[in-house]
Amino acid sequence: MNDQPGITVEGLTNREKQILSAIAQGLSAKEVAKQLEIAPRTVERHIDHIRLKTRTRNRSHMVAFAIANGLV
């Protein structure tokens, strides 16, 4: 399903998977932060780490990755 060999969801922490799933559902970083009761900046840092780990270019690409890997 993943079009980038060697890049898997297993490399993400549970929190990163949780945040990626929420972002893929259309929530903003601020909304995710409120839902998870953490700071918006923490969510942004998680998003940065997700992008690096999944080698995605932007949030849209991250969402496509989440869909392709069954996170949404």
Protein backbone atom coordinates (compact mmCIF):
# COMPACT_ATOMS: atom_id res chain seq x y z
CA MET A 1 0.00 0.00 0.00
CA ASN A 2 2.84 2.39 0.82
CA ASP A 3 4.40 3.85 -2.33
CA GLN A 4 7.68 4.58 -0.53
CA PRO A 5 9.58 1.38 0.25
CA GLY A 6 11.03 1.09 3.73
CA ILE A 7 8.77 3.72 5.28
CA THR A 8 6.22 2.23 7.64
CA VAL A 9 3.78 3.26 10.31
CA GLU A 10 5.65 1.05 12.77
CA GLY A 11 8.39 3.69 12.99
CA LEU A 12 5.94 6.13 14.60
CA THR A 13 5.21 6.32 18.31
CA ASN A 14 1.65 5.75 19.52
CA ARG A 15 1.28 9.50 20.15
CA GLU A 16 2.51 10.31 16.64
CA LYS A 17 0.02 7.83 15.18
CA GLN A 18 -2.71 9.43 17.28
CA ILE A 19 -1.79 12.91 16.04
CA LEU A 20 -1.42 11.80 12.42
CA SER A 21 -4.87 10.21 12.57
CA ALA A 22 -6.39 13.40 14.01
CA ILE A 23 -4.70 15.57 11.39
CA ALA A 24 -5.95 13.21 8.67
CA GLN A 25 -9.48 13.69 10.02
CA GLY A 26 -9.12 17.41 9.40
CA LEU A 27 -8.33 18.71 12.87
CA SER A 28 -5.94 21.63 13.28
CA ALA A 29 -2.93 21.44 15.58
CA LYS A 30 -4.81 23.63 18.05
CA GLU A 31 -7.83 21.31 18.00
CA VAL A 32 -5.62 18.24 18.43
CA ALA A 33 -3.86 19.90 21.35
CA LYS A 34 -7.16 20.67 23.05
CA GLN A 35 -8.43 17.12 22.47
CA LEU A 36 -5.23 15.52 23.83
CA GLU A 37 -4.75 18.14 26.55
CA ILE A 38 -1.26 19.10 25.41
CA ALA A 39 0.25 22.35 24.13
CA PRO A 40 -0.31 23.28 20.46
CA ARG A 41 3.46 23.68 20.06
CA THR A 42 3.91 20.08 21.22
CA VAL A 43 1.53 18.96 18.49
CA GLU A 44 3.50 20.98 15.94
CA ARG A 45 6.74 19.28 17.08
CA HIS A 46 5.08 15.87 16.75
CA ILE A 47 3.96 16.82 13.24
CA ASP A 48 7.54 17.82 12.36
CA HIS A 49 8.80 14.46 13.63
CA ILE A 50 6.09 12.58 11.71
CA ARG A 51 7.07 14.41 8.50
CA LEU A 52 10.72 13.50 9.01
CA LYS A 53 10.02 9.86 9.86
CA THR A 54 7.59 9.34 6.98
CA ARG A 55 9.56 11.48 4.54
CA THR A 56 6.45 13.39 3.61
CA ARG A 57 6.64 16.90 2.20
CA ASN A 58 3.66 18.56 3.87
CA ARG A 59 0.44 17.87 5.77
CA SER A 60 -1.44 16.83 2.63
CA HIS A 61 1.24 14.29 1.85
CA MET A 62 1.10 13.11 5.50
CA VAL A 63 -2.67 12.59 5.17
CA ALA A 64 -2.17 10.57 1.98
CA PHE A 65 0.42 8.48 3.86
CA ALA A 66 -2.04 7.94 6.74
CA ILE A 67 -4.78 6.83 4.36
CA ALA A 68 -2.46 4.53 2.43
CA ASN A 69 -1.39 2.91 5.69
CA GLY A 70 -4.87 2.48 7.16
CA LEU A 71 -4.63 5.04 9.96
CA VAL A 72 -7.89 6.66 8.90
